[in-house]
Amino acid sequence: MRMPRFFFHIRSNGSSRSRDYLGLSFPDVETAADEALRQAQGLKRVFKARGEDPRDHAIEIESEEGDIVLILSFADVFDDTPGVIVPQSQQRRAQGEA
């Protein structure tokens, strides 16, 4: 069985976005979110080295179908209260499956 591919885009200051064109394969969204959290911790040093506040950024996780399935705010990660924002379309879809 083929694992779905997820793309990790970096959103800066709520507007500009650095796109991931390669993506990574994971068994599910939860595993992709765990990887995004791990990567966000590593990116903290990169932003600080550039003189940027890492809390001004977020990781958007996009499915291979082109849907943004999760948004991980760096502010939550770096304030030691990890949080994931689930887009409304995903919330409605999940509620319909329950």
PDB file of N, CA and C in Angstrom:
ATOM      1  N   MET A   1       0.851  -1.187   0.000  1.00  0.00           N
ATOM      2  CA  MET A   1       0.000   0.000   0.000  1.00  0.00           C
ATOM      3  C   MET A   1       0.895   1.248   0.000  1.00  0.00           C
ATOM      4  N   ARG A   2       0.592   2.166  -0.860  1.00  0.00           N
ATOM      5  CA  ARG A   2       1.363   3.396  -0.993  1.00  0.00           C
ATOM      6  C   ARG A   2       0.938   4.403   0.074  1.00  0.00           C
ATOM      7  N   MET A   3       1.953   5.020   0.716  1.00  0.00           N
ATOM      8  CA  MET A   3       1.657   6.038   1.726  1.00  0.00           C
ATOM      9  C   MET A   3       1.405   7.379   1.037  1.00  0.00           C
ATOM     10  N   PRO A   4       0.493   8.172   1.593  1.00  0.00           N
ATOM     11  CA  PRO A   4       0.232   9.500   1.008  1.00  0.00           C
ATOM     12  C   PRO A   4       1.420  10.441   1.207  1.00  0.00           C
ATOM     13  N   ARG A   5       1.537  11.388   0.307  1.00  0.00           N
ATOM     14  CA  ARG A   5       2.611  12.386   0.346  1.00  0.00           C
ATOM     15  C   ARG A   5       2.047  13.680   0.916  1.00  0.00           C
ATOM     16  N   PHE A   6       2.862  14.325   1.772  1.00  0.00           N
ATOM     17  CA  PHE A   6       2.500  15.602   2.377  1.00  0.00           C
ATOM     18  C   PHE A   6       3.591  16.617   2.078  1.00  0.00           C
ATOM     19  N   PHE A   7       3.184  17.864   1.885  1.00  0.00           N
ATOM     20  CA  PHE A   7       4.099  18.948   1.555  1.00  0.00           C
ATOM     21  C   PHE A   7       4.098  19.934   2.715  1.00  0.00           C
ATOM     22  N   PHE A   8       5.287  20.403   3.089  1.00  0.00           N
ATOM     23  CA  PHE A   8       5.465  21.271   4.252  1.00  0.00           C
ATOM     24  C   PHE A   8       5.880  22.656   3.776  1.00  0.00           C
ATOM     25  N   HIS A   9       4.934  23.579   3.736  1.00  0.00           N
ATOM     26  CA  HIS A   9       5.206  24.950   3.302  1.00  0.00           C
ATOM     27  C   HIS A   9       5.426  25.821   4.528  1.00  0.00           C
ATOM     28  N   ILE A  10       6.306  26.804   4.408  1.00  0.00           N
ATOM     29  CA  ILE A  10       6.550  27.750   5.504  1.00  0.00           C
ATOM     30  C   ILE A  10       5.838  29.047   5.176  1.00  0.00           C
ATOM     31  N   ARG A  11       4.906  29.440   6.050  1.00  0.00           N
ATOM     32  CA  ARG A  11       4.172  30.703   5.908  1.00  0.00           C
ATOM     33  C   ARG A  11       4.858  31.716   6.802  1.00  0.00           C
ATOM     34  N   SER A  12       5.221  32.868   6.223  1.00  0.00           N
ATOM     35  CA  SER A  12       5.910  33.912   6.981  1.00  0.00           C
ATOM     36  C   SER A  12       5.027  35.133   7.140  1.00  0.00           C
ATOM     37  N   ASN A  13       4.905  35.610   8.366  1.00  0.00           N
ATOM     38  CA  ASN A  13       4.126  36.810   8.677  1.00  0.00           C
ATOM     39  C   ASN A  13       2.724  36.778   8.083  1.00  0.00           C
ATOM     40  N   GLY A  14       2.161  35.597   7.962  1.00  0.00           N
ATOM     41  CA  GLY A  14       0.796  35.478   7.483  1.00  0.00           C
ATOM     42  C   GLY A  14       0.602  35.734   6.003  1.00  0.00           C
ATOM     43  N   SER A  15       1.679  36.039   5.247  1.00  0.00           N
ATOM     44  CA  SER A  15       1.467  36.355   3.841  1.00  0.00           C
ATOM     45  C   SER A  15       2.340  35.529   2.909  1.00  0.00           C
ATOM     46  N   SER A  16       3.651  35.743   2.910  1.00  0.00           N
ATOM     47  CA  SER A  16       4.504  35.040   1.955  1.00  0.00           C
ATOM     48  C   SER A  16       4.631  33.565   2.338  1.00  0.00           C
ATOM     49  N   ARG A  17       4.895  32.739   1.330  1.00  0.00           N
ATOM     50  CA  ARG A  17       4.960  31.300   1.579  1.00  0.00           C
ATOM     51  C   ARG A  17       6.107  30.676   0.788  1.00  0.00           C
ATOM     52  N   SER A  18       6.908  29.886   1.469  1.00  0.00           N
ATOM     53  CA  SER A  18       7.971  29.109   0.850  1.00  0.00           C
ATOM     54  C   SER A  18       7.393  27.720   0.586  1.00  0.00           C
ATOM     55  N   ARG A  19       7.351  27.318  -0.668  1.00  0.00           N
ATOM     56  CA  ARG A  19       6.696  26.061  -1.041  1.00  0.00           C
ATOM     57  C   ARG A  19       7.646  24.873  -1.022  1.00  0.00           C
ATOM     58  N   ASP A  20       7.136  23.763  -0.569  1.00  0.00           N
ATOM     59  CA  ASP A  20       7.823  22.479  -0.612  1.00  0.00           C
ATOM     60  C   ASP A  20       7.280  21.745  -1.843  1.00  0.00           C
ATOM     61  N   TYR A  21       8.136  21.513  -2.832  1.00  0.00           N
ATOM     62  CA  TYR A  21       7.696  20.852  -4.054  1.00  0.00           C
ATOM     63  C   TYR A  21       7.971  19.351  -4.052  1.00  0.00           C
ATOM     64  N   LEU A  22       8.742  18.870  -3.081  1.00  0.00           N
ATOM     65  CA  LEU A  22       9.091  17.451  -3.041  1.00  0.00           C
ATOM     66  C   LEU A  22       8.165  16.642  -2.144  1.00  0.00           C
ATOM     67  N   GLY A  23       7.908  17.160  -0.951  1.00  0.00           N
ATOM     68  CA  GLY A  23       7.055  16.462   0.000  1.00  0.00           C
ATOM     69  C   GLY A  23       7.705  15.221   0.573  1.00  0.00           C
ATOM     70  N   LEU A  24       7.028  14.643   1.532  1.00  0.00           N
ATOM     71  CA  LEU A  24       7.460  13.414   2.195  1.00  0.00           C
ATOM     72  C   LEU A  24       6.255  12.503   2.359  1.00  0.00           C
ATOM     73  N   SER A  25       6.499  11.205   2.358  1.00  0.00           N
ATOM     74  CA  SER A  25       5.418  10.232   2.527  1.00  0.00           C
ATOM     75  C   SER A  25       5.300   9.823   3.989  1.00  0.00           C
ATOM     76  N   PHE A  26       4.064   9.815   4.472  1.00  0.00           N
ATOM     77  CA  PHE A  26       3.750   9.399   5.835  1.00  0.00           C
ATOM     78  C   PHE A  26       2.468   8.580   5.806  1.00  0.00           C
ATOM     79  N   PRO A  27       2.269   7.718   6.795  1.00  0.00           N
ATOM     80  CA  PRO A  27       1.055   6.900   6.792  1.00  0.00           C
ATOM     81  C   PRO A  27      -0.227   7.699   7.018  1.00  0.00           C
ATOM     82  N   ASP A  28      -0.119   8.866   7.719  1.00  0.00           N
ATOM     83  CA  ASP A  28      -1.318   9.644   8.016  1.00  0.00           C
ATOM     84  C   ASP A  28      -0.946  11.086   8.385  1.00  0.00           C
ATOM     85  N   VAL A  29      -1.960  11.920   8.530  1.00  0.00           N
ATOM     86  CA  VAL A  29      -1.768  13.334   8.860  1.00  0.00           C
ATOM     87  C   VAL A  29      -1.114  13.494  10.222  1.00  0.00           C
ATOM     88  N   GLU A  30      -1.480  12.656  11.184  1.00  0.00           N
ATOM     89  CA  GLU A  30      -0.925  12.770  12.527  1.00  0.00           C
ATOM     90  C   GLU A  30       0.593  12.579  12.518  1.00  0.00           C
ATOM     91  N   THR A  31       1.071  11.608  11.744  1.00  0.00           N
ATOM     92  CA  THR A  31       2.511  11.369  11.655  1.00  0.00           C
ATOM     93  C   THR A  31       3.202  12.534  10.957  1.00  0.00           C
ATOM     94  N   ALA A  32       2.564  13.082   9.923  1.00  0.00           N
ATOM     95  CA  ALA A  32       3.109  14.262   9.237  1.00  0.00           C
ATOM     96  C   ALA A  32       3.187  15.443  10.199  1.00  0.00           C
ATOM     97  N   ALA A  33       2.172  15.607  11.056  1.00  0.00           N
ATOM     98  CA  ALA A  33       2.167  16.700  12.032  1.00  0.00           C
ATOM     99  C   ALA A  33       3.293  16.520  13.055  1.00  0.00           C
ATOM    100  N   ASP A  34       3.539  15.292  13.472  1.00  0.00           N
ATOM    101  CA  ASP A  34       4.647  15.024  14.395  1.00  0.00           C
ATOM    102  C   ASP A  34       5.972  15.429  13.767  1.00  0.00           C
ATOM    103  N   GLU A  35       6.152  15.119  12.494  1.00  0.00           N
ATOM    104  CA  GLU A  35       7.379  15.494  11.793  1.00  0.00           C
ATOM    105  C   GLU A  35       7.479  17.013  11.666  1.00  0.00           C
ATOM    106  N   ALA A  36       6.370  17.677  11.387  1.00  0.00           N
ATOM    107  CA  ALA A  36       6.375  19.141  11.283  1.00  0.00           C
ATOM    108  C   ALA A  36       6.790  19.765  12.609  1.00  0.00           C
ATOM    109  N   LEU A  37       6.313  19.232  13.702  1.00  0.00           N
ATOM    110  CA  LEU A  37       6.678  19.736  15.026  1.00  0.00           C
ATOM    111  C   LEU A  37       8.179  19.564  15.262  1.00  0.00           C
ATOM    112  N   ARG A  38       8.703  18.414  14.908  1.00  0.00           N
ATOM    113  CA  ARG A  38      10.135  18.149  15.064  1.00  0.00           C
ATOM    114  C   ARG A  38      10.964  19.104  14.195  1.00  0.00           C
ATOM    115  N   GLN A  39      10.534  19.324  12.962  1.00  0.00           N
ATOM    116  CA  GLN A  39      11.253  20.216  12.059  1.00  0.00           C
ATOM    117  C   GLN A  39      11.180  21.674  12.526  1.00  0.00           C
ATOM    118  N   ALA A  40      10.044  22.069  13.072  1.00  0.00           N
ATOM    119  CA  ALA A  40       9.891  23.441  13.569  1.00  0.00           C
ATOM    120  C   ALA A  40      10.914  23.732  14.660  1.00  0.00           C
ATOM    121  N   GLN A  41      11.144  22.769  15.522  1.00  0.00           N
ATOM    122  CA  GLN A  41      12.141  22.960  16.585  1.00  0.00           C
ATOM    123  C   GLN A  41      13.517  23.215  15.986  1.00  0.00           C
ATOM    124  N   GLY A  42      13.860  22.495  14.921  1.00  0.00           N
ATOM    125  CA  GLY A  42      15.144  22.681  14.267  1.00  0.00           C
ATOM    126  C   GLY A  42      15.253  24.002  13.531  1.00  0.00           C
ATOM    127  N   LEU A  43      14.144  24.500  13.020  1.00  0.00           N
ATOM    128  CA  LEU A  43      14.153  25.760  12.268  1.00  0.00           C
ATOM    129  C   LEU A  43      14.297  26.979  13.164  1.00  0.00           C
ATOM    130  N   LYS A  44      14.061  26.814  14.441  1.00  0.00           N
ATOM    131  CA  LYS A  44      14.154  27.938  15.374  1.00  0.00           C
ATOM    132  C   LYS A  44      15.522  28.615  15.267  1.00  0.00           C
ATOM    133  N   ARG A  45      16.585  27.817  15.225  1.00  0.00           N
ATOM    134  CA  ARG A  45      17.947  28.370  15.111  1.00  0.00           C
ATOM    135  C   ARG A  45      18.147  29.099  13.787  1.00  0.00           C
ATOM    136  N   VAL A  46      17.576  28.577  12.733  1.00  0.00           N
ATOM    137  CA  VAL A  46      17.719  29.192  11.406  1.00  0.00           C
ATOM    138  C   VAL A  46      17.110  30.589  11.403  1.00  0.00           C
ATOM    139  N   PHE A  47      15.906  30.725  11.923  1.00  0.00           N
ATOM    140  CA  PHE A  47      15.247  32.033  11.961  1.00  0.00           C
ATOM    141  C   PHE A  47      16.022  33.010  12.841  1.00  0.00           C
ATOM    142  N   LYS A  48      16.464  32.531  13.994  1.00  0.00           N
ATOM    143  CA  LYS A  48      17.215  33.421  14.890  1.00  0.00           C
ATOM    144  C   LYS A  48      18.520  33.875  14.253  1.00  0.00           C
ATOM    145  N   ALA A  49      19.196  32.993  13.509  1.00  0.00           N
ATOM    146  CA  ALA A  49      20.444  33.358  12.828  1.00  0.00           C
ATOM    147  C   ALA A  49      20.201  34.443  11.773  1.00  0.00           C
ATOM    148  N   ARG A  50      19.013  34.458  11.195  1.00  0.00           N
ATOM    149  CA  ARG A  50      18.647  35.478  10.207  1.00  0.00           C
ATOM    150  C   ARG A  50      18.147  36.761  10.868  1.00  0.00           C
ATOM    151  N   GLY A  51      18.035  36.749  12.180  1.00  0.00           N
ATOM    152  CA  GLY A  51      17.509  37.913  12.884  1.00  0.00           C
ATOM    153  C   GLY A  51      15.999  38.016  12.812  1.00  0.00           C
ATOM    154  N   GLU A  52      15.322  36.913  12.536  1.00  0.00           N
ATOM    155  CA  GLU A  52      13.865  36.883  12.441  1.00  0.00           C
ATOM    156  C   GLU A  52      13.272  36.249  13.697  1.00  0.00           C
ATOM    157  N   ASP A  53      12.099  36.697  14.064  1.00  0.00           N
ATOM    158  CA  ASP A  53      11.383  36.084  15.180  1.00  0.00           C
ATOM    159  C   ASP A  53      10.699  34.819  14.645  1.00  0.00           C
ATOM    160  N   PRO A  54      11.096  33.658  15.128  1.00  0.00           N
ATOM    161  CA  PRO A  54      10.498  32.424  14.607  1.00  0.00           C
ATOM    162  C   PRO A  54       8.991  32.347  14.816  1.00  0.00           C
ATOM    163  N   ARG A  55       8.492  33.076  15.815  1.00  0.00           N
ATOM    164  CA  ARG A  55       7.054  33.028  16.088  1.00  0.00           C
ATOM    165  C   ARG A  55       6.215  33.732  15.029  1.00  0.00           C
ATOM    166  N   ASP A  56       6.873  34.381  14.050  1.00  0.00           N
ATOM    167  CA  ASP A  56       6.153  35.027  12.952  1.00  0.00           C
ATOM    168  C   ASP A  56       5.887  34.059  11.797  1.00  0.00           C
ATOM    169  N   HIS A  57       6.145  32.769  12.017  1.00  0.00           N
ATOM    170  CA  HIS A  57       6.049  31.789  10.939  1.00  0.00           C
ATOM    171  C   HIS A  57       5.152  30.620  11.343  1.00  0.00           C
ATOM    172  N   ALA A  58       4.742  29.862  10.335  1.00  0.00           N
ATOM    173  CA  ALA A  58       3.944  28.659  10.562  1.00  0.00           C
ATOM    174  C   ALA A  58       4.273  27.651   9.470  1.00  0.00           C
ATOM    175  N   ILE A  59       4.028  26.384   9.768  1.00  0.00           N
ATOM    176  CA  ILE A  59       4.154  25.336   8.755  1.00  0.00           C
ATOM    177  C   ILE A  59       2.747  24.954   8.319  1.00  0.00           C
ATOM    178  N   GLU A  60       2.512  25.008   7.026  1.00  0.00           N
ATOM    179  CA  GLU A  60       1.259  24.522   6.450  1.00  0.00           C
ATOM    180  C   GLU A  60       1.529  23.140   5.870  1.00  0.00           C
ATOM    181  N   ILE A  61       0.732  22.179   6.256  1.00  0.00           N
ATOM    182  CA  ILE A  61       0.867  20.832   5.713  1.00  0.00           C
ATOM    183  C   ILE A  61      -0.219  20.645   4.663  1.00  0.00           C
ATOM    184  N   GLU A  62       0.227  20.361   3.448  1.00  0.00           N
ATOM    185  CA  GLU A  62      -0.696  20.194   2.317  1.00  0.00           C
ATOM    186  C   GLU A  62      -0.710  18.726   1.896  1.00  0.00           C
ATOM    187  N   SER A  63      -1.896  18.199   1.649  1.00  0.00           N
ATOM    188  CA  SER A  63      -2.014  16.823   1.165  1.00  0.00           C
ATOM    189  C   SER A  63      -1.660  16.774  -0.316  1.00  0.00           C
ATOM    190  N   GLU A  64      -1.460  15.582  -0.827  1.00  0.00           N
ATOM    191  CA  GLU A  64      -1.147  15.455  -2.247  1.00  0.00           C
ATOM    192  C   GLU A  64      -2.336  15.851  -3.125  1.00  0.00           C
ATOM    193  N   GLU A  65      -3.514  15.944  -2.533  1.00  0.00           N
ATOM    194  CA  GLU A  65      -4.688  16.406  -3.277  1.00  0.00           C
ATOM    195  C   GLU A  65      -4.749  17.932  -3.349  1.00  0.00           C
ATOM    196  N   GLY A  66      -3.849  18.609  -2.631  1.00  0.00           N
ATOM    197  CA  GLY A  66      -3.804  20.067  -2.659  1.00  0.00           C
ATOM    198  C   GLY A  66      -4.566  20.748  -1.536  1.00  0.00           C
ATOM    199  N   ASP A  67      -5.039  19.989  -0.551  1.00  0.00           N
ATOM    200  CA  ASP A  67      -5.754  20.564   0.591  1.00  0.00           C
ATOM    201  C   ASP A  67      -4.772  20.860   1.721  1.00  0.00           C
ATOM    202  N   ILE A  68      -4.905  22.046   2.339  1.00  0.00           N
ATOM    203  CA  ILE A  68      -4.138  22.344   3.552  1.00  0.00           C
ATOM    204  C   ILE A  68      -4.831  21.579   4.673  1.00  0.00           C
ATOM    205  N   VAL A  69      -4.146  20.573   5.218  1.00  0.00           N
ATOM    206  CA  VAL A  69      -4.776  19.720   6.222  1.00  0.00           C
ATOM    207  C   VAL A  69      -4.458  20.146   7.647  1.00  0.00           C
ATOM    208  N   LEU A  70      -3.317  20.824   7.852  1.00  0.00           N
ATOM    209  CA  LEU A  70      -2.955  21.317   9.176  1.00  0.00           C
ATOM    210  C   LEU A  70      -2.075  22.544   9.049  1.00  0.00           C
ATOM    211  N   ILE A  71      -2.178  23.414  10.034  1.00  0.00           N
ATOM    212  CA  ILE A  71      -1.294  24.573  10.133  1.00  0.00           C
ATOM    213  C   ILE A  71      -0.691  24.546  11.532  1.00  0.00           C
ATOM    214  N   LEU A  72       0.627  24.474  11.586  1.00  0.00           N
ATOM    215  CA  LEU A  72       1.340  24.436  12.855  1.00  0.00           C
ATOM    216  C   LEU A  72       1.976  25.800  13.080  1.00  0.00           C
ATOM    217  N   SER A  73       1.471  26.528  14.051  1.00  0.00           N
ATOM    218  CA  SER A  73       1.990  27.851  14.375  1.00  0.00           C
ATOM    219  C   SER A  73       3.293  27.730  15.148  1.00  0.00           C
ATOM    220  N   PHE A  74       4.352  28.377  14.649  1.00  0.00           N
ATOM    221  CA  PHE A  74       5.626  28.356  15.361  1.00  0.00           C
ATOM    222  C   PHE A  74       5.498  29.060  16.712  1.00  0.00           C
ATOM    223  N   ALA A  75       4.614  30.042  16.816  1.00  0.00           N
ATOM    224  CA  ALA A  75       4.420  30.732  18.098  1.00  0.00           C
ATOM    225  C   ALA A  75       4.019  29.730  19.173  1.00  0.00           C
ATOM    226  N   ASP A  76       3.144  28.808  18.836  1.00  0.00           N
ATOM    227  CA  ASP A  76       2.733  27.785  19.796  1.00  0.00           C
ATOM    228  C   ASP A  76       3.885  26.856  20.141  1.00  0.00           C
ATOM    229  N   VAL A  77       4.665  26.475  19.137  1.00  0.00           N
ATOM    230  CA  VAL A  77       5.790  25.567  19.343  1.00  0.00           C
ATOM    231  C   VAL A  77       6.837  26.214  20.240  1.00  0.00           C
ATOM    232  N   PHE A  78       7.185  27.458  19.945  1.00  0.00           N
ATOM    233  CA  PHE A  78       8.278  28.111  20.647  1.00  0.00           C
ATOM    234  C   PHE A  78       7.867  28.672  22.000  1.00  0.00           C
ATOM    235  N   ASP A  79       6.581  28.766  22.256  1.00  0.00           N
ATOM    236  CA  ASP A  79       6.109  29.177  23.575  1.00  0.00           C
ATOM    237  C   ASP A  79       5.828  27.955  24.449  1.00  0.00           C
ATOM    238  N   ASP A  80       6.295  26.785  23.973  1.00  0.00           N
ATOM    239  CA  ASP A  80       6.156  25.515  24.692  1.00  0.00           C
ATOM    240  C   ASP A  80       4.713  25.089  24.922  1.00  0.00           C
ATOM    241  N   THR A  81       3.821  25.538  24.044  1.00  0.00           N
ATOM    242  CA  THR A  81       2.433  25.084  24.096  1.00  0.00           C
ATOM    243  C   THR A  81       2.030  24.676  22.688  1.00  0.00           C
ATOM    244  N   PRO A  82       2.585  23.532  22.192  1.00  0.00           N
ATOM    245  CA  PRO A  82       2.339  23.152  20.807  1.00  0.00           C
ATOM    246  C   PRO A  82       0.861  23.106  20.480  1.00  0.00           C
ATOM    247  N   GLY A  83       0.531  23.704  19.356  1.00  0.00           N
ATOM    248  CA  GLY A  83      -0.846  23.711  18.903  1.00  0.00           C
ATOM    249  C   GLY A  83      -0.907  23.511  17.409  1.00  0.00           C
ATOM    250  N   VAL A  84      -1.944  22.883  16.974  1.00  0.00           N
ATOM    251  CA  VAL A  84      -2.154  22.656  15.559  1.00  0.00           C
ATOM    252  C   VAL A  84      -3.515  23.212  15.204  1.00  0.00           C
ATOM    253  N   ILE A  85      -3.554  23.966  14.132  1.00  0.00           N
ATOM    254  CA  ILE A  85      -4.804  24.533  13.664  1.00  0.00           C
ATOM    255  C   ILE A  85      -5.326  23.642  12.548  1.00  0.00           C
ATOM    256  N   VAL A  86      -6.548  23.188  12.681  1.00  0.00           N
ATOM    257  CA  VAL A  86      -7.157  22.354  11.667  1.00  0.00           C
ATOM    258  C   VAL A  86      -8.096  23.232  10.848  1.00  0.00           C
ATOM    259  N   PRO A  87      -7.843  23.352   9.524  1.00  0.00           N
ATOM    260  CA  PRO A  87      -8.726  24.175   8.694  1.00  0.00           C
ATOM    261  C   PRO A  87     -10.177  23.719   8.796  1.00  0.00           C
ATOM    262  N   GLN A  88     -11.097  24.645   8.648  1.00  0.00           N
ATOM    263  CA  GLN A  88     -12.530  24.363   8.769  1.00  0.00           C
ATOM    264  C   GLN A  88     -12.963  23.225   7.861  1.00  0.00           C
ATOM    265  N   SER A  89     -12.459  23.172   6.632  1.00  0.00           N
ATOM    266  CA  SER A  89     -12.874  22.116   5.706  1.00  0.00           C
ATOM    267  C   SER A  89     -12.528  20.740   6.259  1.00  0.00           C
ATOM    268  N   GLN A  90     -11.375  20.613   6.933  1.00  0.00           N
ATOM    269  CA  GLN A  90     -10.985  19.348   7.517  1.00  0.00           C
ATOM    270  C   GLN A  90     -11.844  19.009   8.732  1.00  0.00           C
ATOM    271  N   GLN A  91     -12.216  20.035   9.529  1.00  0.00           N
ATOM    272  CA  GLN A  91     -13.058  19.796  10.683  1.00  0.00           C
ATOM    273  C   GLN A  91     -14.418  19.260  10.253  1.00  0.00           C
ATOM    274  N   ARG A  92     -14.990  19.869   9.213  1.00  0.00           N
ATOM    275  CA  ARG A  92     -16.292  19.405   8.716  1.00  0.00           C
ATOM    276  C   ARG A  92     -16.193  17.992   8.181  1.00  0.00           C
ATOM    277  N   ARG A  93     -15.105  17.702   7.444  1.00  0.00           N
ATOM    278  CA  ARG A  93     -14.908  16.377   6.878  1.00  0.00           C
ATOM    279  C   ARG A  93     -14.790  15.347   8.004  1.00  0.00           C
ATOM    280  N   ALA A  94     -14.009  15.645   9.050  1.00  0.00           N
ATOM    281  CA  ALA A  94     -13.800  14.719  10.167  1.00  0.00           C
ATOM    282  C   ALA A  94     -15.108  14.494  10.919  1.00  0.00           C
ATOM    283  N   GLN A  95     -15.905  15.540  11.099  1.00  0.00           N
ATOM    284  CA  GLN A  95     -17.168  15.404  11.806  1.00  0.00           C
ATOM    285  C   GLN A  95     -18.140  14.536  11.014  1.00  0.00           C
ATOM    286  N   GLY A  96     -18.069  14.631   9.701  1.00  0.00           N
ATOM    287  CA  GLY A  96     -18.940  13.823   8.861  1.00  0.00           C
ATOM    288  C   GLY A  96     -18.582  12.358   8.898  1.00  0.00           C
ATOM    289  N   GLU A  97     -17.311  12.037   9.191  1.00  0.00           N
ATOM    290  CA  GLU A  97     -16.857  10.659   9.258  1.00  0.00           C
ATOM    291  C   GLU A  97     -17.178  10.024  10.599  1.00  0.00           C
ATOM    292  N   ALA A  98     -17.387  10.828  11.619  1.00  0.00           N
ATOM    293  CA  ALA A  98     -17.619  10.291  12.966  1.00  0.00           C
ATOM    294  C   ALA A  98     -19.003   9.692  13.110  1.00  0.00           C
TER     295      ALA A  98
END
